[in-house]
Amino acid sequence: MPDLSRAYWRTSSHSSQGGQDCVEVAGLAPVVAVRDSKDPDGPKLILDAAAWSSLTRLVRSSAG
């Protein structure tokens, strides 16, 4: 598990006002961490580059 104490978390520009109902991501090469914006101290999902690419491709294809 990577050290997330200094992670810079960001939300999508497509998030709801205030970013309260979304996920946040932090790029921590070579992985990406994902968390629930409503529970920043809760569990995090850690994805390698291939898994992150697959997830974002799936989300984009299902959102259109």
PDB file of N, CA and C in Angstrom:
ATOM      1  N   MET A   1       0.851  -1.190   0.000  1.00  0.00           N
ATOM      2  CA  MET A   1       0.000   0.000   0.000  1.00  0.00           C
ATOM      3  C   MET A   1       0.890   1.245   0.000  1.00  0.00           C
ATOM      4  N   PRO A   2       0.693   2.135  -0.966  1.00  0.00           N
ATOM      5  CA  PRO A   2       1.486   3.358  -1.000  1.00  0.00           C
ATOM      6  C   PRO A   2       1.121   4.297   0.150  1.00  0.00           C
ATOM      7  N   ASP A   3       2.050   5.168   0.505  1.00  0.00           N
ATOM      8  CA  ASP A   3       1.808   6.183   1.539  1.00  0.00           C
ATOM      9  C   ASP A   3       0.902   7.261   0.949  1.00  0.00           C
ATOM     10  N   LEU A   4      -0.289   7.410   1.499  1.00  0.00           N
ATOM     11  CA  LEU A   4      -1.256   8.384   0.976  1.00  0.00           C
ATOM     12  C   LEU A   4      -1.300   9.672   1.794  1.00  0.00           C
ATOM     13  N   SER A   5      -0.425   9.799   2.786  1.00  0.00           N
ATOM     14  CA  SER A   5      -0.467  10.962   3.677  1.00  0.00           C
ATOM     15  C   SER A   5      -0.193  12.280   2.958  1.00  0.00           C
ATOM     16  N   ARG A   6       0.538  12.248   1.852  1.00  0.00           N
ATOM     17  CA  ARG A   6       0.856  13.479   1.121  1.00  0.00           C
ATOM     18  C   ARG A   6       0.185  13.508  -0.250  1.00  0.00           C
ATOM     19  N   ALA A   7      -0.799  12.666  -0.436  1.00  0.00           N
ATOM     20  CA  ALA A   7      -1.480  12.591  -1.734  1.00  0.00           C
ATOM     21  C   ALA A   7      -2.251  13.878  -1.997  1.00  0.00           C
ATOM     22  N   TYR A   8      -2.222  14.316  -3.238  1.00  0.00           N
ATOM     23  CA  TYR A   8      -3.016  15.465  -3.681  1.00  0.00           C
ATOM     24  C   TYR A   8      -4.271  14.905  -4.332  1.00  0.00           C
ATOM     25  N   TRP A   9      -5.405  15.020  -3.645  1.00  0.00           N
ATOM     26  CA  TRP A   9      -6.666  14.474  -4.118  1.00  0.00           C
ATOM     27  C   TRP A   9      -7.380  15.518  -4.961  1.00  0.00           C
ATOM     28  N   ARG A  10      -7.959  15.082  -6.070  1.00  0.00           N
ATOM     29  CA  ARG A  10      -8.696  16.014  -6.941  1.00  0.00           C
ATOM     30  C   ARG A  10     -10.006  15.377  -7.381  1.00  0.00           C
ATOM     31  N   THR A  11     -10.952  16.235  -7.705  1.00  0.00           N
ATOM     32  CA  THR A  11     -12.246  15.775  -8.195  1.00  0.00           C
ATOM     33  C   THR A  11     -12.394  16.210  -9.649  1.00  0.00           C
ATOM     34  N   SER A  12     -13.292  15.572 -10.336  1.00  0.00           N
ATOM     35  CA  SER A  12     -13.546  15.885 -11.726  1.00  0.00           C
ATOM     36  C   SER A  12     -14.242  17.239 -11.856  1.00  0.00           C
ATOM     37  N   SER A  13     -13.984  17.912 -12.962  1.00  0.00           N
ATOM     38  CA  SER A  13     -14.702  19.158 -13.245  1.00  0.00           C
ATOM     39  C   SER A  13     -16.175  18.888 -13.512  1.00  0.00           C
ATOM     40  N   HIS A  14     -16.546  17.616 -13.703  1.00  0.00           N
ATOM     41  CA  HIS A  14     -17.936  17.234 -13.927  1.00  0.00           C
ATOM     42  C   HIS A  14     -18.666  16.892 -12.629  1.00  0.00           C
ATOM     43  N   SER A  15     -18.011  17.099 -11.495  1.00  0.00           N
ATOM     44  CA  SER A  15     -18.607  16.766 -10.202  1.00  0.00           C
ATOM     45  C   SER A  15     -19.734  17.731  -9.865  1.00  0.00           C
ATOM     46  N   SER A  16     -20.546  17.335  -8.900  1.00  0.00           N
ATOM     47  CA  SER A  16     -21.616  18.216  -8.437  1.00  0.00           C
ATOM     48  C   SER A  16     -21.012  19.441  -7.756  1.00  0.00           C
ATOM     49  N   GLN A  17     -21.818  20.462  -7.542  1.00  0.00           N
ATOM     50  CA  GLN A  17     -21.343  21.665  -6.875  1.00  0.00           C
ATOM     51  C   GLN A  17     -20.712  21.295  -5.536  1.00  0.00           C
ATOM     52  N   GLY A  18     -19.533  21.768  -5.296  1.00  0.00           N
ATOM     53  CA  GLY A  18     -18.853  21.492  -4.045  1.00  0.00           C
ATOM     54  C   GLY A  18     -18.172  20.146  -4.003  1.00  0.00           C
ATOM     55  N   GLY A  19     -18.378  19.321  -5.008  1.00  0.00           N
ATOM     56  CA  GLY A  19     -17.718  18.031  -5.068  1.00  0.00           C
ATOM     57  C   GLY A  19     -18.117  17.066  -3.966  1.00  0.00           C
ATOM     58  N   GLN A  20     -19.325  17.167  -3.481  1.00  0.00           N
ATOM     59  CA  GLN A  20     -19.743  16.328  -2.361  1.00  0.00           C
ATOM     60  C   GLN A  20     -20.217  14.938  -2.763  1.00  0.00           C
ATOM     61  N   ASP A  21     -20.599  14.758  -3.993  1.00  0.00           N
ATOM     62  CA  ASP A  21     -21.133  13.470  -4.440  1.00  0.00           C
ATOM     63  C   ASP A  21     -20.288  12.894  -5.558  1.00  0.00           C
ATOM     64  N   CYS A  22     -19.037  12.611  -5.251  1.00  0.00           N
ATOM     65  CA  CYS A  22     -18.169  12.120  -6.301  1.00  0.00           C
ATOM     66  C   CYS A  22     -17.017  11.326  -5.706  1.00  0.00           C
ATOM     67  N   VAL A  23     -16.195  10.850  -6.579  1.00  0.00           N
ATOM     68  CA  VAL A  23     -14.961  10.207  -6.149  1.00  0.00           C
ATOM     69  C   VAL A  23     -13.823  11.194  -6.344  1.00  0.00           C
ATOM     70  N   GLU A  24     -12.751  10.969  -5.638  1.00  0.00           N
ATOM     71  CA  GLU A  24     -11.542  11.763  -5.776  1.00  0.00           C
ATOM     72  C   GLU A  24     -10.410  10.827  -6.182  1.00  0.00           C
ATOM     73  N   VAL A  25      -9.472  11.358  -6.937  1.00  0.00           N
ATOM     74  CA  VAL A  25      -8.327  10.544  -7.369  1.00  0.00           C
ATOM     75  C   VAL A  25      -7.035  11.257  -7.008  1.00  0.00           C
ATOM     76  N   ALA A  26      -6.007  10.453  -6.795  1.00  0.00           N
ATOM     77  CA  ALA A  26      -4.663  10.975  -6.549  1.00  0.00           C
ATOM     78  C   ALA A  26      -3.691  10.141  -7.368  1.00  0.00           C
ATOM     79  N   GLY A  27      -2.933  10.794  -8.218  1.00  0.00           N
ATOM     80  CA  GLY A  27      -1.913  10.106  -8.998  1.00  0.00           C
ATOM     81  C   GLY A  27      -0.664   9.901  -8.151  1.00  0.00           C
ATOM     82  N   LEU A  28      -0.305   8.669  -7.959  1.00  0.00           N
ATOM     83  CA  LEU A  28       0.859   8.318  -7.137  1.00  0.00           C
ATOM     84  C   LEU A  28       1.722   7.341  -7.921  1.00  0.00           C
ATOM     85  N   ALA A  29       2.234   7.799  -9.050  1.00  0.00           N
ATOM     86  CA  ALA A  29       2.964   6.914  -9.971  1.00  0.00           C
ATOM     87  C   ALA A  29       3.754   5.859  -9.205  1.00  0.00           C
ATOM     88  N   PRO A  30       3.585   4.624  -9.569  1.00  0.00           N
ATOM     89  CA  PRO A  30       2.945   4.081 -10.765  1.00  0.00           C
ATOM     90  C   PRO A  30       1.490   3.670 -10.555  1.00  0.00           C
ATOM     91  N   VAL A  31       0.846   4.154  -9.497  1.00  0.00           N
ATOM     92  CA  VAL A  31      -0.543   3.776  -9.229  1.00  0.00           C
ATOM     93  C   VAL A  31      -1.423   5.009  -9.132  1.00  0.00           C
ATOM     94  N   VAL A  32      -2.735   4.777  -9.131  1.00  0.00           N
ATOM     95  CA  VAL A  32      -3.729   5.821  -8.912  1.00  0.00           C
ATOM     96  C   VAL A  32      -4.582   5.375  -7.734  1.00  0.00           C
ATOM     97  N   ALA A  33      -4.802   6.284  -6.794  1.00  0.00           N
ATOM     98  CA  ALA A  33      -5.658   5.992  -5.644  1.00  0.00           C
ATOM     99  C   ALA A  33      -7.014   6.658  -5.865  1.00  0.00           C
ATOM    100  N   VAL A  34      -8.079   5.984  -5.447  1.00  0.00           N
ATOM    101  CA  VAL A  34      -9.444   6.486  -5.617  1.00  0.00           C
ATOM    102  C   VAL A  34     -10.146   6.386  -4.264  1.00  0.00           C
ATOM    103  N   ARG A  35     -10.896   7.435  -3.898  1.00  0.00           N
ATOM    104  CA  ARG A  35     -11.644   7.416  -2.639  1.00  0.00           C
ATOM    105  C   ARG A  35     -12.980   8.122  -2.811  1.00  0.00           C
ATOM    106  N   ASP A  36     -13.879   7.896  -1.871  1.00  0.00           N
ATOM    107  CA  ASP A  36     -15.189   8.542  -1.828  1.00  0.00           C
ATOM    108  C   ASP A  36     -15.022   9.924  -1.206  1.00  0.00           C
ATOM    109  N   SER A  37     -15.489  10.954  -1.886  1.00  0.00           N
ATOM    110  CA  SER A  37     -15.335  12.320  -1.367  1.00  0.00           C
ATOM    111  C   SER A  37     -16.060  12.528  -0.045  1.00  0.00           C
ATOM    112  N   LYS A  38     -17.110  11.772   0.207  1.00  0.00           N
ATOM    113  CA  LYS A  38     -17.864  11.913   1.460  1.00  0.00           C
ATOM    114  C   LYS A  38     -17.198  11.191   2.625  1.00  0.00           C
ATOM    115  N   ASP A  39     -16.215  10.343   2.334  1.00  0.00           N
ATOM    116  CA  ASP A  39     -15.544   9.558   3.374  1.00  0.00           C
ATOM    117  C   ASP A  39     -14.038   9.538   3.116  1.00  0.00           C
ATOM    118  N   PRO A  40     -13.381  10.701   3.216  1.00  0.00           N
ATOM    119  CA  PRO A  40     -11.961  10.772   2.865  1.00  0.00           C
ATOM    120  C   PRO A  40     -11.056   9.909   3.746  1.00  0.00           C
ATOM    121  N   ASP A  41     -11.498   9.562   4.924  1.00  0.00           N
ATOM    122  CA  ASP A  41     -10.698   8.698   5.798  1.00  0.00           C
ATOM    123  C   ASP A  41     -11.054   7.223   5.639  1.00  0.00           C
ATOM    124  N   GLY A  42     -12.014   6.947   4.780  1.00  0.00           N
ATOM    125  CA  GLY A  42     -12.458   5.576   4.551  1.00  0.00           C
ATOM    126  C   GLY A  42     -11.515   4.819   3.637  1.00  0.00           C
ATOM    127  N   PRO A  43     -11.965   3.691   3.137  1.00  0.00           N
ATOM    128  CA  PRO A  43     -11.112   2.850   2.294  1.00  0.00           C
ATOM    129  C   PRO A  43     -10.759   3.535   0.969  1.00  0.00           C
ATOM    130  N   LYS A  44      -9.608   3.171   0.459  1.00  0.00           N
ATOM    131  CA  LYS A  44      -9.142   3.659  -0.834  1.00  0.00           C
ATOM    132  C   LYS A  44      -8.926   2.482  -1.764  1.00  0.00           C
ATOM    133  N   LEU A  45      -9.168   2.718  -3.017  1.00  0.00           N
ATOM    134  CA  LEU A  45      -8.922   1.727  -4.056  1.00  0.00           C
ATOM    135  C   LEU A  45      -7.624   2.119  -4.748  1.00  0.00           C
ATOM    136  N   ILE A  46      -6.682   1.187  -4.822  1.00  0.00           N
ATOM    137  CA  ILE A  46      -5.399   1.445  -5.469  1.00  0.00           C
ATOM    138  C   ILE A  46      -5.366   0.670  -6.783  1.00  0.00           C
ATOM    139  N   LEU A  47      -5.155   1.381  -7.882  1.00  0.00           N
ATOM    140  CA  LEU A  47      -5.167   0.775  -9.220  1.00  0.00           C
ATOM    141  C   LEU A  47      -3.836   0.996  -9.919  1.00  0.00           C
ATOM    142  N   ASP A  48      -3.360  -0.032 -10.622  1.00  0.00           N
ATOM    143  CA  ASP A  48      -2.180   0.174 -11.452  1.00  0.00           C
ATOM    144  C   ASP A  48      -2.626   0.873 -12.741  1.00  0.00           C
ATOM    145  N   ALA A  49      -1.664   1.252 -13.573  1.00  0.00           N
ATOM    146  CA  ALA A  49      -1.975   2.027 -14.777  1.00  0.00           C
ATOM    147  C   ALA A  49      -2.954   1.324 -15.706  1.00  0.00           C
ATOM    148  N   ALA A  50      -2.795   0.015 -15.886  1.00  0.00           N
ATOM    149  CA  ALA A  50      -3.685  -0.733 -16.784  1.00  0.00           C
ATOM    150  C   ALA A  50      -5.114  -0.768 -16.235  1.00  0.00           C
ATOM    151  N   ALA A  51      -5.253  -0.987 -14.939  1.00  0.00           N
ATOM    152  CA  ALA A  51      -6.592  -1.033 -14.333  1.00  0.00           C
ATOM    153  C   ALA A  51      -7.255   0.341 -14.373  1.00  0.00           C
ATOM    154  N   TRP A  52      -6.491   1.411 -14.122  1.00  0.00           N
ATOM    155  CA  TRP A  52      -7.024   2.773 -14.187  1.00  0.00           C
ATOM    156  C   TRP A  52      -7.506   3.094 -15.600  1.00  0.00           C
ATOM    157  N   SER A  53      -6.716   2.729 -16.587  1.00  0.00           N
ATOM    158  CA  SER A  53      -7.084   2.961 -17.973  1.00  0.00           C
ATOM    159  C   SER A  53      -8.365   2.213 -18.330  1.00  0.00           C
ATOM    160  N   SER A  54      -8.464   0.972 -17.903  1.00  0.00           N
ATOM    161  CA  SER A  54      -9.670   0.172 -18.165  1.00  0.00           C
ATOM    162  C   SER A  54     -10.890   0.780 -17.486  1.00  0.00           C
ATOM    163  N   LEU A  55     -10.730   1.207 -16.243  1.00  0.00           N
ATOM    164  CA  LEU A  55     -11.852   1.803 -15.503  1.00  0.00           C
ATOM    165  C   LEU A  55     -12.328   3.085 -16.171  1.00  0.00           C
ATOM    166  N   THR A  56     -11.411   3.981 -16.514  1.00  0.00           N
ATOM    167  CA  THR A  56     -11.833   5.238 -17.134  1.00  0.00           C
ATOM    168  C   THR A  56     -12.453   5.015 -18.508  1.00  0.00           C
ATOM    169  N   ARG A  57     -11.944   4.052 -19.258  1.00  0.00           N
ATOM    170  CA  ARG A  57     -12.530   3.722 -20.565  1.00  0.00           C
ATOM    171  C   ARG A  57     -13.960   3.212 -20.380  1.00  0.00           C
ATOM    172  N   LEU A  58     -14.180   2.350 -19.398  1.00  0.00           N
ATOM    173  CA  LEU A  58     -15.511   1.817 -19.116  1.00  0.00           C
ATOM    174  C   LEU A  58     -16.478   2.913 -18.686  1.00  0.00           C
ATOM    175  N   VAL A  59     -16.025   3.804 -17.814  1.00  0.00           N
ATOM    176  CA  VAL A  59     -16.878   4.897 -17.343  1.00  0.00           C
ATOM    177  C   VAL A  59     -17.263   5.813 -18.499  1.00  0.00           C
ATOM    178  N   ARG A  60     -16.294   6.149 -19.325  1.00  0.00           N
ATOM    179  CA  ARG A  60     -16.585   7.030 -20.481  1.00  0.00           C
ATOM    180  C   ARG A  60     -17.581   6.390 -21.452  1.00  0.00           C
ATOM    181  N   SER A  61     -17.430   5.087 -21.687  1.00  0.00           N
ATOM    182  CA  SER A  61     -18.320   4.419 -22.642  1.00  0.00           C
ATOM    183  C   SER A  61     -19.730   4.264 -22.087  1.00  0.00           C
ATOM    184  N   SER A  62     -19.877   4.143 -20.789  1.00  0.00           N
ATOM    185  CA  SER A  62     -21.210   3.976 -20.209  1.00  0.00           C
ATOM    186  C   SER A  62     -21.885   5.317 -19.947  1.00  0.00           C
ATOM    187  N   ALA A  63     -21.112   6.411 -19.917  1.00  0.00           N
ATOM    188  CA  ALA A  63     -21.678   7.727 -19.668  1.00  0.00           C
ATOM    189  C   ALA A  63     -22.243   8.368 -20.927  1.00  0.00           C
ATOM    190  N   GLY A  64     -21.853   7.861 -22.089  1.00  0.00           N
ATOM    191  CA  GLY A  64     -22.247   8.489 -23.347  1.00  0.00           C
ATOM    192  C   GLY A  64     -23.529   7.983 -23.799  1.00  0.00           C
TER     193      GLY A  64
END
